[in-house]
Amino acid sequence: ALMRIAQTEPDRRLQESAIVRLGQAGGSEQLRHFYTTARPELKRPIINGLFNARAVDELIHIALQERNEEIKREVMTRLRLLNTTKAQEFLEKQPKK
C-alpha cells in the first residue's frame, strides 16, 4: 500500500511521507527500483527513506548510477553518516574531488 501511494499520490507531501515510511518499514528494495523511474523531485525523499532503512547496498547502487552530481553528493553524505564498514570501503575507493 505504501508503494502504491509513493508512486501515485498527487499530494507531494503525502507521497514523500509514504516514501519515508516505506523505508522505515523495510521497503528498501522497492525504493531502489522506484528510484530508477522517479521524478527528480522524489529522488531526495527516496534517498532519505533508504538512509532511514540503513540500506547501504541500495545507496551504493544509486551512487554508482546517478549522473546528477548534486544528488550523488547527497547519497555520498548519507553513506558517510551511516558509517558502516561497507559504506566506508566504498567511499575510500571513490575518486577525491
Protein backbone atom coordinates (compact mmCIF):
# COMPACT_ATOMS: atom_id res chain seq x y z
CA ALA A 1 0.00 0.00 0.00
CA LEU A 2 2.83 2.41 0.82
CA MET A 3 4.48 1.74 -2.52
CA ARG A 4 1.24 2.44 -4.36
CA ILE A 5 0.88 5.75 -2.51
CA ALA A 6 4.53 6.59 -3.18
CA GLN A 7 4.03 6.04 -6.90
CA THR A 8 0.60 7.55 -7.47
CA GLU A 9 -0.35 10.06 -4.76
CA PRO A 10 -0.94 13.52 -6.28
CA ASP A 11 -0.26 15.34 -2.98
CA ARG A 12 3.53 15.60 -2.90
CA ARG A 13 3.76 15.82 0.91
CA LEU A 14 1.76 12.62 1.31
CA GLN A 15 3.82 11.00 -1.41
CA GLU A 16 7.09 11.94 0.31
CA SER A 17 5.73 10.74 3.65
CA ALA A 18 4.82 7.37 2.11
CA ILE A 19 8.33 7.09 0.66
CA VAL A 20 9.98 7.73 4.03
CA ARG A 21 7.58 5.33 5.77
CA LEU A 22 8.32 2.68 3.16
CA GLY A 23 12.00 2.95 4.08
CA GLN A 24 11.15 2.65 7.77
CA ALA A 25 9.05 -0.43 7.02
CA GLY A 26 11.97 -2.16 5.31
CA GLY A 27 10.97 -1.50 1.71
CA SER A 28 14.50 -0.62 0.63
CA GLU A 29 14.47 -2.87 -2.45
CA GLN A 30 11.20 -1.34 -3.64
CA LEU A 31 12.61 2.16 -3.11
CA ARG A 32 15.74 1.34 -5.09
CA HIS A 33 13.63 0.17 -8.02
CA PHE A 34 11.30 3.18 -7.69
CA TYR A 35 14.33 5.48 -7.77
CA THR A 36 15.14 4.48 -11.34
CA THR A 37 11.80 5.83 -12.63
CA ALA A 38 11.11 8.54 -10.05
CA ARG A 39 10.71 12.18 -10.97
CA PRO A 40 13.70 14.30 -9.92
CA GLU A 41 11.83 15.92 -7.03
CA LEU A 42 11.22 12.48 -5.46
CA LYS A 43 14.83 11.32 -5.53
CA ARG A 44 15.82 13.05 -2.28
CA PRO A 45 12.88 11.61 -0.31
CA ILE A 46 13.79 8.16 -1.67
CA ILE A 47 17.40 8.68 -0.56
CA ASN A 48 16.11 9.71 2.88
CA GLY A 49 13.91 6.61 3.02
CA LEU A 50 16.88 4.40 2.14
CA PHE A 51 19.03 6.19 4.70
CA ASN A 52 16.38 5.61 7.39
CA ALA A 53 16.30 1.94 6.39
CA ARG A 54 20.12 1.84 6.66
CA ALA A 55 20.08 0.40 3.13
CA VAL A 56 23.79 0.65 2.35
CA ASP A 57 23.69 -1.64 -0.70
CA GLU A 58 20.87 0.31 -2.30
CA LEU A 59 22.57 3.67 -1.62
CA ILE A 60 25.82 2.38 -3.11
CA HIS A 61 23.91 1.20 -6.18
CA ILE A 62 22.38 4.67 -6.59
CA ALA A 63 25.76 6.37 -6.05
CA LEU A 64 27.23 4.30 -8.87
CA GLN A 65 24.35 5.01 -11.27
CA GLU A 66 23.43 8.63 -10.51
CA ARG A 67 24.62 11.21 -13.05
CA ASN A 68 23.39 14.32 -11.25
CA GLU A 69 26.37 15.45 -9.16
CA GLU A 70 24.30 17.26 -6.55
CA ILE A 71 22.15 14.21 -5.86
CA LYS A 72 25.20 11.94 -5.94
CA ARG A 73 26.84 14.14 -3.25
CA GLU A 74 23.68 13.73 -1.16
CA VAL A 75 23.96 9.94 -1.43
CA MET A 76 27.66 10.04 -0.54
CA THR A 77 26.88 12.18 2.52
CA ARG A 78 24.26 9.67 3.63
CA LEU A 79 26.76 6.84 3.23
CA ARG A 80 29.28 8.76 5.36
CA LEU A 81 26.65 9.28 8.03
CA LEU A 82 25.74 5.59 8.06
CA ASN A 83 29.41 4.88 8.78
CA THR A 84 29.21 1.13 8.19
CA THR A 85 32.23 -0.89 7.13
CA LYS A 86 30.77 -1.45 3.67
CA ALA A 87 29.96 2.26 3.23
CA GLN A 88 33.45 3.27 4.38
CA GLU A 89 35.10 0.81 1.99
CA PHE A 90 33.00 2.14 -0.89
CA LEU A 91 33.77 5.77 -0.04
CA GLU A 92 37.51 5.09 0.21
CA LYS A 93 37.51 3.72 -3.35
CA GLN A 94 35.84 6.83 -4.78
CA PRO A 95 37.95 9.48 -6.55
CA LYS A 96 38.58 12.57 -4.43
CA LYS A 97 37.09 15.80 -5.73
